[in-house]
Protein backbone atom coordinates (compact mmCIF):
# COMPACT_ATOMS: atom_id res chain seq x y z
CA MET A 1 0.00 0.00 0.00
CA LYS A 2 2.74 2.43 1.03
CA ARG A 3 4.83 1.70 -2.08
CA THR A 4 1.82 2.00 -4.36
CA LEU A 5 0.94 5.38 -2.87
CA ILE A 6 4.51 6.67 -3.19
CA PHE A 7 4.73 5.39 -6.79
CA THR A 8 1.41 7.05 -7.63
CA VAL A 9 2.60 10.37 -6.18
CA PHE A 10 5.88 10.07 -8.10
CA ILE A 11 4.11 9.40 -11.42
CA PHE A 12 1.65 12.24 -10.76
CA CYS A 13 4.50 14.68 -10.14
CA THR A 14 6.43 13.49 -13.16
CA PHE A 15 3.33 14.02 -15.29
CA LEU A 16 2.84 17.55 -13.94
CA GLN A 17 6.57 18.29 -14.24
CA VAL A 18 6.59 19.78 -10.77
CA ASN A 19 9.95 21.46 -10.35
CA ALA A 20 9.93 24.92 -8.80
CA GLN A 21 11.06 26.32 -5.47
CA ILE A 22 7.51 27.25 -4.42
CA PHE A 23 4.48 25.03 -5.02
CA ALA A 24 1.86 27.28 -6.59
CA THR A 25 -1.45 26.74 -8.32
CA ALA A 26 -2.59 29.43 -10.73
CA GLY A 27 0.44 31.49 -9.66
CA LYS A 28 -0.66 31.58 -6.00
CA ALA A 29 1.50 30.08 -3.28
CA ILE A 30 -0.14 27.47 -1.05
CA ASN A 31 -3.40 27.65 -3.00
CA GLY A 32 -4.03 31.24 -1.96
CA TYR A 33 -4.03 30.62 1.79
CA ASP A 34 -2.49 33.08 4.23
CA PRO A 35 0.86 31.61 5.39
CA VAL A 36 0.95 33.79 8.53
CA ALA A 37 -2.51 32.65 9.67
CA PHE A 38 -1.27 29.08 10.23
CA PHE A 39 0.99 30.48 12.96
CA LYS A 40 -1.19 33.25 14.38
CA SER A 41 -4.66 31.66 14.10
CA SER A 42 -3.69 27.98 14.16
CA LYS A 43 -5.90 27.32 11.16
CA ALA A 44 -5.98 27.59 7.39
CA VAL A 45 -7.39 30.97 6.36
CA LYS A 46 -7.98 31.88 2.73
CA GLY A 47 -6.20 35.05 1.66
CA ALA A 48 -7.88 37.94 -0.14
CA ASP A 49 -6.95 38.70 -3.76
CA SER A 50 -6.61 42.37 -2.77
CA LEU A 51 -3.96 41.60 -0.11
CA PHE A 52 -1.04 40.13 -2.00
CA TYR A 53 2.72 40.23 -2.05
CA GLN A 54 5.03 38.95 -4.79
CA TRP A 55 7.92 36.90 -3.43
CA LYS A 56 10.07 34.18 -5.03
CA GLY A 57 8.17 34.53 -8.30
CA VAL A 58 4.72 33.73 -6.93
CA THR A 59 1.84 35.61 -5.36
CA TRP A 60 1.22 35.20 -1.64
CA LEU A 61 -2.25 36.13 -0.36
CA PHE A 62 -3.16 37.34 3.12
CA SER A 63 -6.34 37.62 5.18
CA ASP A 64 -5.39 41.01 6.65
CA LYS A 65 -2.77 43.76 6.35
CA GLU A 66 -1.14 42.83 9.65
CA ASN A 67 -0.34 39.35 8.35
CA MET A 68 0.88 40.74 5.03
CA ASN A 69 3.23 43.16 6.79
CA ALA A 70 4.53 40.40 9.08
CA PHE A 71 5.31 38.29 6.02
CA LYS A 72 7.02 41.19 4.23
CA GLU A 73 9.26 41.75 7.26
CA SER A 74 10.26 38.10 7.60
CA PRO A 75 9.03 35.77 4.84
CA GLU A 76 11.43 32.99 5.81
CA LYS A 77 9.67 32.76 9.17
CA TYR A 78 6.30 31.99 7.57
CA ILE A 79 6.91 30.17 4.31
CA PRO A 80 6.18 26.47 4.30
CA GLN A 81 9.16 24.17 4.35
CA TYR A 82 10.22 22.72 0.99
CA GLY A 83 8.33 25.48 -0.78
CA GLY A 84 4.99 24.01 0.27
CA TYR A 85 5.64 20.69 -1.44
CA CYS A 86 4.85 17.47 0.39
CA ALA A 87 7.26 16.94 3.30
CA TYR A 88 7.06 13.16 2.96
CA GLY A 89 7.73 13.35 -0.79
CA THR A 90 10.71 15.62 -0.21
CA ALA A 91 12.09 13.10 2.29
CA ASP A 92 11.69 10.49 -0.47
CA GLY A 93 13.65 12.70 -2.89
CA HIS A 94 10.96 14.25 -5.11
CA GLN A 95 8.62 17.22 -5.23
CA SER A 96 4.96 16.33 -4.74
CA PRO A 97 2.00 18.68 -4.61
CA SER A 98 0.29 19.16 -1.28
CA GLN A 99 -3.13 19.86 0.18
CA ILE A 100 -3.93 22.62 2.65
CA ASP A 101 -5.72 20.38 5.15
CA THR A 102 -2.50 18.41 5.74
CA TRP A 103 -0.63 21.26 7.40
CA THR A 104 1.43 20.85 10.56
CA ILE A 105 3.71 23.17 12.51
CA VAL A 106 6.78 21.48 13.97
CA ASP A 107 9.40 23.54 15.82
CA ASP A 108 7.92 26.78 14.45
CA LYS A 109 8.07 25.57 10.85
CA LEU A 110 5.11 24.95 8.55
CA TYR A 111 4.86 21.64 6.67
CA PHE A 112 2.35 20.24 4.18
CA ASN A 113 1.76 16.76 2.80
CA TYR A 114 0.24 15.23 -0.31
CA ASN A 115 -2.92 14.01 1.45
CA SER A 116 -4.10 12.83 4.86
CA LYS A 117 -2.80 9.25 4.40
CA VAL A 118 0.67 10.54 3.56
CA LYS A 119 0.48 12.93 6.51
CA GLU A 120 -0.21 9.95 8.80
CA MET A 121 2.88 8.14 7.48
CA TRP A 122 4.97 11.31 7.85
CA ALA A 123 3.75 11.91 11.41
CA LYS A 124 4.96 8.47 12.52
CA ASP A 125 8.61 9.44 12.03
CA GLN A 126 8.61 13.23 11.62
CA LYS A 127 12.00 13.93 13.11
CA ALA A 128 13.91 11.50 10.89
CA LEU A 129 11.87 12.41 7.81
CA ILE A 130 12.45 16.13 8.37
CA MET A 131 16.21 15.55 8.55
CA LYS A 132 16.07 13.52 5.34
CA ALA A 133 13.83 16.07 3.62
CA ASP A 134 16.09 18.96 4.65
CA SER A 135 19.01 17.23 2.96
CA ASN A 136 17.01 16.29 -0.13
CA TRP A 137 15.54 19.77 -0.50
CA LEU A 138 19.02 21.22 -1.04
CA LYS A 139 19.55 18.74 -3.90
CA LEU A 140 16.08 19.31 -5.38
CA LYS A 141 16.56 23.10 -5.42
CA LYS A 142 19.88 22.71 -7.26
CA GLN A 143 18.17 20.73 -10.03
CA GLU A 144 16.15 23.75 -11.11
C-alpha cells in the first residue's frame, strides 16, 4: 500500500513536471491561503486577492494587512518548508504537490503533505523524515 501510494505520487509529479522552489497553483503560493494565519490563528485561512505580495516569483495572499506586513518583514519565518511541497515526498527525494488540510507546525516551521494518508505516514517518524527532507531539499533546489 505504502509503495503504491509513493509510486502514484511520483508518477503524478512526473506528469505535472513539478519542479519549482515554491508550489503554486494558478500562480498563487499554497493555494491562496495566508501563510501567517497558520501560525497566528492555528488554522488555514484563505487570503484575499486584494492583499497580496510577490515573493520568489509567486503571489502570496493574506487575510489582513497585519499578516501581510509580518510576512514582508520576515518571509522565511512563515513560508512552508520545501516550498509548500509534500514533506514526505521531499524526504523520499521528489517534489509532490500538497493539500492545505494536511498542514502541521513542527518547531515553528510549517509543513504540508500530499494528502491525509501521507500525513499519517509522515507523522509516525517526523523527526527523521524532516532531517532527510532537509538534505534532499538542497539537492532538489539545485536541479532547477
